[in-house]
Protein backbone atom coordinates (compact mmCIF):
# COMPACT_ATOMS: atom_id res chain seq x y z
CA MET A 1 -88.01 75.64 20.50
CA LYS A 2 -90.89 78.20 19.22
CA ARG A 3 -93.24 78.06 16.70
CA LEU A 4 -92.91 80.42 13.86
CA ALA A 5 -95.72 81.52 11.49
CA ILE A 6 -94.99 83.80 8.57
CA LEU A 7 -97.36 86.16 6.90
CA ALA A 8 -96.79 87.09 3.06
CA SER A 9 -98.70 88.65 0.26
CA GLY A 10 -96.06 88.02 -3.07
CA SER A 11 -92.92 86.65 -3.97
CA GLY A 12 -91.45 85.76 -0.56
CA SER A 13 -87.85 85.89 -0.41
CA ASN A 14 -87.60 87.10 2.71
CA ALA A 15 -89.74 84.17 4.13
CA GLU A 16 -87.49 81.79 2.06
CA LYS A 17 -84.53 83.16 3.48
CA ILE A 18 -85.98 82.96 7.13
CA MET A 19 -87.38 79.33 6.36
CA GLU A 20 -83.58 78.60 5.20
CA HIS A 21 -82.21 80.26 8.57
CA PHE A 22 -84.39 77.99 10.86
CA GLN A 23 -84.23 74.79 9.29
CA ASN A 24 -81.71 73.30 11.76
CA SER A 25 -82.23 75.80 14.41
CA GLU A 26 -82.67 74.82 18.22
CA LYS A 27 -84.42 77.98 18.60
CA GLY A 28 -87.50 78.34 16.30
CA LYS A 29 -89.31 76.97 13.44
CA VAL A 30 -91.21 77.75 10.68
CA VAL A 31 -94.69 75.76 11.25
CA LEU A 32 -96.71 78.10 8.92
CA VAL A 33 -96.88 80.24 5.87
CA ALA A 34 -100.10 82.04 5.64
CA SER A 35 -101.23 84.14 2.29
CA ASN A 36 -103.99 86.61 1.78
CA LYS A 37 -103.44 85.82 -1.79
CA ALA A 38 -103.84 82.28 -3.30
CA GLY A 39 -101.34 82.76 -5.73
CA ALA A 40 -98.58 84.14 -3.69
CA TYR A 41 -95.39 82.56 -4.47
CA VAL A 42 -94.38 82.30 -1.30
CA LEU A 43 -96.60 79.30 -1.17
CA GLU A 44 -94.57 77.66 -3.36
CA ARG A 45 -91.41 78.47 -1.73
CA ALA A 46 -93.01 77.16 1.67
CA LYS A 47 -93.68 73.78 -0.51
CA LYS A 48 -89.47 73.50 -0.93
CA PHE A 49 -89.31 73.30 2.56
CA GLN A 50 -92.00 71.11 3.43
CA VAL A 51 -93.80 74.35 5.57
CA PRO A 52 -97.87 73.98 5.51
CA THR A 53 -99.57 76.55 4.24
CA PHE A 54 -103.08 78.28 4.43
CA THR A 55 -104.67 81.14 2.23
CA PHE A 56 -107.59 83.54 3.80
CA THR A 57 -109.16 86.66 2.09
CA LYS A 58 -109.24 90.25 3.92
CA LYS A 59 -112.74 89.58 5.07
CA GLU A 60 -111.65 85.84 6.80
CA MET A 61 -109.14 87.29 8.56
CA GLU A 62 -111.14 90.15 10.07
CA GLU A 63 -113.84 88.24 11.00
CA GLY A 64 -110.93 86.08 13.16
CA ILE A 65 -110.30 82.78 10.74
CA LEU A 66 -106.59 83.32 10.64
CA LEU A 67 -106.30 84.34 14.32
CA LYS A 68 -108.09 80.88 14.87
CA LYS A 69 -105.42 79.20 12.68
CA LEU A 70 -102.46 80.78 14.25
CA GLU A 71 -104.13 79.50 18.27
CA GLU A 72 -104.59 75.87 16.00
CA GLU A 73 -101.09 75.48 15.26
CA GLN A 74 -100.00 77.00 18.57
CA ILE A 75 -97.97 79.89 17.25
CA ASP A 76 -95.22 81.40 19.92
CA TRP A 77 -94.61 84.53 16.89
CA VAL A 78 -95.91 85.73 13.85
CA ILE A 79 -93.59 87.13 11.31
CA LEU A 80 -95.08 89.68 8.64
CA ALA A 81 -92.62 89.09 5.57
CA GLY A 82 -94.03 91.66 2.60
CA PHE A 83 -97.59 91.07 4.34
CA LEU A 84 -99.32 93.81 2.90
CA LEU A 85 -102.90 94.16 5.07
CA LYS A 86 -103.25 95.98 7.89
CA ILE A 87 -103.42 93.59 10.90
CA PRO A 88 -106.60 93.59 12.76
CA ASP A 89 -106.51 94.31 16.40
CA ALA A 90 -107.57 91.62 17.62
CA LEU A 91 -104.39 89.83 15.77
CA THR A 92 -102.25 92.33 17.73
CA ARG A 93 -103.73 92.24 20.88
CA ALA A 94 -103.26 88.17 20.80
CA PHE A 95 -99.18 88.58 19.89
CA PRO A 96 -98.14 91.25 22.02
CA ASP A 97 -94.35 91.90 21.41
CA HIS A 98 -94.44 88.60 19.31
CA MET A 99 -95.41 89.84 15.99
CA VAL A 100 -92.53 91.35 13.70
CA ASN A 101 -92.24 93.05 10.52
CA ILE A 102 -89.83 94.48 8.24
CA HIS A 103 -89.88 97.87 6.45
CA PRO A 104 -88.00 98.56 3.62
CA ALA A 105 -87.14 102.00 4.87
CA LEU A 106 -85.53 103.60 7.88
CA LEU A 107 -88.96 104.64 9.82
CA PRO A 108 -90.51 107.12 11.06
CA LYS A 109 -89.46 107.87 7.23
CA TYR A 110 -91.38 106.32 4.70
CA GLY A 111 -93.73 104.77 6.41
CA GLY A 112 -97.83 103.88 6.75
CA LYS A 113 -100.39 103.34 4.57
CA GLY A 114 -99.55 102.90 1.11
CA MET A 115 -95.90 102.79 1.78
CA TYR A 116 -94.61 99.05 0.56
CA GLY A 117 -92.33 98.02 -2.41
CA ALA A 118 -91.41 100.12 -5.04
CA HIS A 119 -93.60 103.33 -3.57
CA VAL A 120 -90.83 103.59 -0.99
CA HIS A 121 -87.73 103.33 -3.28
CA GLU A 122 -89.34 105.50 -5.52
CA ALA A 123 -90.56 108.19 -2.54
CA VAL A 124 -86.72 107.95 -1.01
CA LYS A 125 -85.21 108.35 -4.63
CA ALA A 126 -87.60 111.35 -5.35
CA ALA A 127 -86.79 112.99 -1.74
CA GLY A 128 -83.13 112.94 -2.95
CA GLU A 129 -82.01 110.93 0.55
CA LYS A 130 -78.39 110.08 0.88
CA GLU A 131 -79.39 106.52 2.69
CA THR A 132 -81.86 104.15 3.40
CA GLY A 133 -82.06 101.15 4.78
CA ILE A 134 -84.04 98.34 6.82
CA THR A 135 -86.24 98.75 9.74
CA ILE A 136 -87.34 95.67 11.87
CA HIS A 137 -90.16 96.44 14.38
CA LEU A 138 -92.80 95.03 16.64
CA VAL A 139 -96.69 95.20 14.99
CA ASN A 140 -98.92 97.13 16.83
CA GLU A 141 -102.40 98.52 15.75
CA ASN A 142 -101.18 101.33 13.23
CA TYR A 143 -99.02 101.23 9.93
CA ASP A 144 -95.29 101.35 11.10
CA GLU A 145 -95.19 102.63 14.34
CA GLY A 146 -94.35 99.53 16.82
CA LYS A 147 -91.04 99.87 18.63
CA ILE A 148 -88.08 99.50 16.59
CA ILE A 149 -86.09 96.72 16.90
CA PHE A 150 -83.06 97.21 14.36
CA GLN A 151 -82.14 99.56 11.66
CA ALA A 152 -79.23 98.43 9.00
CA HIS A 153 -78.64 101.79 6.37
CA THR A 154 -77.22 101.74 3.38
CA ALA A 155 -76.02 104.41 1.02
CA ILE A 156 -77.59 105.83 -2.09
CA ASP A 157 -75.57 108.00 -4.72
CA GLU A 158 -76.99 109.96 -7.49
CA LEU A 159 -76.81 107.39 -10.14
CA ASP A 160 -79.12 105.16 -8.20
CA THR A 161 -82.72 104.47 -9.28
CA PRO A 162 -85.47 102.97 -7.35
CA ASP A 163 -84.73 99.47 -8.69
CA SER A 164 -81.27 99.62 -7.58
CA ILE A 165 -82.14 100.98 -4.17
CA ALA A 166 -84.38 98.16 -3.94
CA ALA A 167 -81.59 95.64 -4.80
CA LYS A 168 -79.54 97.11 -1.87
CA VAL A 169 -82.44 96.77 0.52
CA HIS A 170 -83.07 93.45 0.13
CA GLU A 171 -79.73 92.55 0.29
CA LEU A 172 -79.84 94.11 4.27
CA GLU A 173 -83.34 92.27 4.39
CA HIS A 174 -81.80 89.01 3.82
CA LYS A 175 -79.19 89.50 5.86
CA TYR A 176 -80.44 90.67 8.84
CA PHE A 177 -84.23 89.80 9.71
CA PRO A 178 -83.43 85.56 10.15
CA LYS A 179 -80.97 87.03 12.59
CA VAL A 180 -82.72 89.49 13.87
CA ILE A 181 -85.86 87.29 14.55
CA GLU A 182 -83.21 84.35 16.22
CA GLY A 183 -82.45 87.04 18.50
CA LEU A 184 -85.97 87.85 20.15
CA LEU A 185 -86.45 84.16 20.36
């Protein structure tokens, strides 16, 4: 059985769907939820599933504290679910092709530094796009440039707002991210 760690910086709705999905799985188990924010709600969500948590600062991550923790926990796969910091090269090298991220747009559009959360949906709306979606990709040393594993699309109409676009994208994230992860295992 593969040991999964989830990295998240915020609320953790995707993390919760992943923990729920893998509760009774024979393929994988979420054994750690780690966050760079001590007050992130994802840590509360982890408690609901009795998943241990770990918090760290950006500096500690850059100094290798997070990598050391992942190695101690014998993590097989690292799942980024709303994790907002750039992953240090040492961490991507430690998990080649075993670190996956979800992005709230159809990459390569609307990716890169600063393109997260509401910023993405606002940019999609401002550009007048007719569709958006999600991209699940492997993580490499550059923001949102790893190999694309899966994409799902949703239509946008002129009445959609950034908030309604976000709601459509969240629906896709919750539906597909846990299943795609399981397929990778």
